[in-house]
Amino acid sequence: MAQVNVEINGRGYDIACDNGQEEHLERLASFVDKRIGELTASVGQIGDARLLVMVSLLIADELADAYADLAKLKSENDSMDEQAADQIAAKLDTLAARIENIADRLVSA
């Protein structure tokens, strides 16, 4: 298990992570630190705990929006898949009818 020291809002935190996940953890910490910086710029220093809670809620809200967008896109994709399947089935029916028509004419000839 790896150990990474990340800095958030000017404070260092030693965080354990799986080997190979160090860079990912550092990027996540950088993202949180950036968001805390943005929040601090708008509301000022209101204490580490409160800032972390507020940023956590803001990130959770963004994540909830992303999940909703993903669900909508999946639904739209499923709908498009159904429409495409219906169109393909209709074309196959048309082709089958044409083949039957040709076969009937060949039998009659």
C-alpha atoms as a PDB file:
ATOM      1  CA  MET A   1       0.000   0.000   0.000  1.00  0.00           C
ATOM      2  CA  ALA A   2       1.347   3.394  -1.012  1.00  0.00           C
ATOM      3  CA  GLN A   3       1.353   6.555   1.078  1.00  0.00           C
ATOM      4  CA  VAL A   4       0.771   9.962  -0.521  1.00  0.00           C
ATOM      5  CA  ASN A   5       1.024  13.381   1.072  1.00  0.00           C
ATOM      6  CA  VAL A   6      -1.515  15.759  -0.428  1.00  0.00           C
ATOM      7  CA  GLU A   7      -2.098  19.406   0.358  1.00  0.00           C
ATOM      8  CA  ILE A   8      -5.609  20.761   0.643  1.00  0.00           C
ATOM      9  CA  ASN A   9      -6.243  24.351   1.710  1.00  0.00           C
ATOM     10  CA  GLY A  10      -2.641  24.710   2.836  1.00  0.00           C
ATOM     11  CA  ARG A  11      -2.658  21.622   5.055  1.00  0.00           C
ATOM     12  CA  GLY A  12      -0.834  18.391   4.391  1.00  0.00           C
ATOM     13  CA  TYR A  13      -2.630  15.066   4.680  1.00  0.00           C
ATOM     14  CA  ASP A  14      -1.009  11.629   4.528  1.00  0.00           C
ATOM     15  CA  ILE A  15      -3.360   9.343   2.624  1.00  0.00           C
ATOM     16  CA  ALA A  16      -2.924   5.630   1.954  1.00  0.00           C
ATOM     17  CA  CYS A  17      -3.860   4.249  -1.447  1.00  0.00           C
ATOM     18  CA  ASP A  18      -3.305   1.170  -3.574  1.00  0.00           C
ATOM     19  CA  ASN A  19       0.016   0.955  -5.367  1.00  0.00           C
ATOM     20  CA  GLY A  20      -0.202   2.664  -8.725  1.00  0.00           C
ATOM     21  CA  GLN A  21      -3.007   5.001  -7.614  1.00  0.00           C
ATOM     22  CA  GLU A  22      -0.738   7.757  -6.308  1.00  0.00           C
ATOM     23  CA  GLU A  23      -1.078  10.093  -9.305  1.00  0.00           C
ATOM     24  CA  HIS A  24      -4.834   9.615  -9.404  1.00  0.00           C
ATOM     25  CA  LEU A  25      -5.102  10.470  -5.700  1.00  0.00           C
ATOM     26  CA  GLU A  26      -2.928  13.543  -6.211  1.00  0.00           C
ATOM     27  CA  ARG A  27      -5.190  14.713  -9.082  1.00  0.00           C
ATOM     28  CA  LEU A  28      -8.275  14.216  -6.905  1.00  0.00           C
ATOM     29  CA  ALA A  29      -6.689  16.154  -4.048  1.00  0.00           C
ATOM     30  CA  SER A  30      -5.725  18.922  -6.472  1.00  0.00           C
ATOM     31  CA  PHE A  31      -9.327  19.074  -7.706  1.00  0.00           C
ATOM     32  CA  VAL A  32     -10.653  19.345  -4.131  1.00  0.00           C
ATOM     33  CA  ASP A  33      -8.014  21.966  -3.268  1.00  0.00           C
ATOM     34  CA  LYS A  34      -8.984  24.006  -6.336  1.00  0.00           C
ATOM     35  CA  ARG A  35     -12.666  23.842  -5.389  1.00  0.00           C
ATOM     36  CA  ILE A  36     -11.853  24.911  -1.828  1.00  0.00           C
ATOM     37  CA  GLY A  37      -9.865  27.831  -3.256  1.00  0.00           C
ATOM     38  CA  GLU A  38     -12.862  28.869  -5.360  1.00  0.00           C
ATOM     39  CA  LEU A  39     -15.208  28.587  -2.392  1.00  0.00           C
ATOM     40  CA  THR A  40     -12.808  30.474  -0.113  1.00  0.00           C
ATOM     41  CA  ALA A  41     -12.634  33.276  -2.681  1.00  0.00           C
ATOM     42  CA  SER A  42     -16.409  33.676  -2.518  1.00  0.00           C
ATOM     43  CA  VAL A  43     -17.148  33.111   1.190  1.00  0.00           C
ATOM     44  CA  GLY A  44     -13.766  33.611   2.875  1.00  0.00           C
ATOM     45  CA  GLN A  45     -12.013  31.359   5.376  1.00  0.00           C
ATOM     46  CA  ILE A  46     -14.771  29.789   7.451  1.00  0.00           C
ATOM     47  CA  GLY A  47     -12.765  26.923   8.920  1.00  0.00           C
ATOM     48  CA  ASP A  48     -11.378  23.753   7.393  1.00  0.00           C
ATOM     49  CA  ALA A  49     -14.203  21.491   8.520  1.00  0.00           C
ATOM     50  CA  ARG A  50     -16.955  23.738   7.180  1.00  0.00           C
ATOM     51  CA  LEU A  51     -15.079  24.340   3.902  1.00  0.00           C
ATOM     52  CA  LEU A  52     -14.574  20.599   3.415  1.00  0.00           C
ATOM     53  CA  VAL A  53     -18.249  19.906   4.120  1.00  0.00           C
ATOM     54  CA  MET A  54     -19.402  22.641   1.740  1.00  0.00           C
ATOM     55  CA  VAL A  55     -17.034  21.515  -1.028  1.00  0.00           C
ATOM     56  CA  SER A  56     -18.094  17.899  -0.478  1.00  0.00           C
ATOM     57  CA  LEU A  57     -21.731  18.913  -0.910  1.00  0.00           C
ATOM     58  CA  LEU A  58     -20.952  20.962  -4.034  1.00  0.00           C
ATOM     59  CA  ILE A  59     -19.025  18.053  -5.577  1.00  0.00           C
ATOM     60  CA  ALA A  60     -21.803  15.620  -4.582  1.00  0.00           C
ATOM     61  CA  ASP A  61     -24.338  17.924  -6.268  1.00  0.00           C
ATOM     62  CA  GLU A  62     -22.246  18.001  -9.451  1.00  0.00           C
ATOM     63  CA  LEU A  63     -21.936  14.207  -9.314  1.00  0.00           C
ATOM     64  CA  ALA A  64     -25.702  13.832  -8.904  1.00  0.00           C
ATOM     65  CA  ASP A  65     -26.204  16.064 -11.960  1.00  0.00           C
ATOM     66  CA  ALA A  66     -23.673  13.978 -13.904  1.00  0.00           C
ATOM     67  CA  TYR A  67     -25.498  10.755 -12.931  1.00  0.00           C
ATOM     68  CA  ALA A  68     -28.803  12.287 -14.055  1.00  0.00           C
ATOM     69  CA  ASP A  69     -27.244  13.349 -17.372  1.00  0.00           C
ATOM     70  CA  LEU A  70     -25.786   9.860 -17.821  1.00  0.00           C
ATOM     71  CA  ALA A  71     -29.155   8.225 -17.138  1.00  0.00           C
ATOM     72  CA  LYS A  72     -30.795  10.566 -19.671  1.00  0.00           C
ATOM     73  CA  LEU A  73     -28.159   9.771 -22.299  1.00  0.00           C
ATOM     74  CA  LYS A  74     -28.535   6.032 -21.674  1.00  0.00           C
ATOM     75  CA  SER A  75     -32.299   6.343 -22.053  1.00  0.00           C
ATOM     76  CA  GLU A  76     -31.929   8.324 -25.279  1.00  0.00           C
ATOM     77  CA  ASN A  77     -29.424   5.757 -26.556  1.00  0.00           C
ATOM     78  CA  ASP A  78     -31.792   2.887 -25.727  1.00  0.00           C
ATOM     79  CA  SER A  79     -34.577   4.729 -27.557  1.00  0.00           C
ATOM     80  CA  MET A  80     -32.351   5.263 -30.593  1.00  0.00           C
ATOM     81  CA  ASP A  81     -31.337   1.584 -30.494  1.00  0.00           C
ATOM     82  CA  GLU A  82     -35.017   0.592 -30.504  1.00  0.00           C
ATOM     83  CA  GLN A  83     -35.747   2.947 -33.409  1.00  0.00           C
ATOM     84  CA  ALA A  84     -32.786   1.594 -35.366  1.00  0.00           C
ATOM     85  CA  ALA A  85     -33.919  -1.984 -34.702  1.00  0.00           C
ATOM     86  CA  ASP A  86     -37.443  -1.107 -35.874  1.00  0.00           C
ATOM     87  CA  GLN A  87     -36.060   0.472 -39.064  1.00  0.00           C
ATOM     88  CA  ILE A  88     -33.867  -2.551 -39.757  1.00  0.00           C
ATOM     89  CA  ALA A  89     -36.801  -4.908 -39.162  1.00  0.00           C
ATOM     90  CA  ALA A  90     -38.973  -2.889 -41.569  1.00  0.00           C
ATOM     91  CA  LYS A  91     -36.268  -2.990 -44.247  1.00  0.00           C
ATOM     92  CA  LEU A  92     -35.850  -6.743 -43.750  1.00  0.00           C
ATOM     93  CA  ASP A  93     -39.616  -7.216 -44.108  1.00  0.00           C
ATOM     94  CA  THR A  94     -39.545  -5.223 -47.351  1.00  0.00           C
ATOM     95  CA  LEU A  95     -36.633  -7.267 -48.673  1.00  0.00           C
ATOM     96  CA  ALA A  96     -38.334 -10.527 -47.680  1.00  0.00           C
ATOM     97  CA  ALA A  97     -41.494  -9.475 -49.535  1.00  0.00           C
ATOM     98  CA  ARG A  98     -39.457  -8.617 -52.642  1.00  0.00           C
ATOM     99  CA  ILE A  99     -37.650 -11.966 -52.484  1.00  0.00           C
ATOM    100  CA  GLU A 100     -40.976 -13.800 -52.135  1.00  0.00           C
ATOM    101  CA  ASN A 101     -42.349 -11.843 -55.098  1.00  0.00           C
ATOM    102  CA  ILE A 102     -39.325 -12.764 -57.227  1.00  0.00           C
ATOM    103  CA  ALA A 103     -39.589 -16.402 -56.127  1.00  0.00           C
ATOM    104  CA  ASP A 104     -43.304 -16.474 -57.044  1.00  0.00           C
ATOM    105  CA  ARG A 105     -42.532 -15.056 -60.494  1.00  0.00           C
ATOM    106  CA  LEU A 106     -39.791 -17.628 -61.033  1.00  0.00           C
ATOM    107  CA  VAL A 107     -42.143 -20.458 -60.085  1.00  0.00           C
ATOM    108  CA  SER A 108     -44.833 -19.088 -62.436  1.00  0.00           C
ATOM    109  CA  ALA A 109     -42.435 -18.732 -65.355  1.00  0.00           C
END
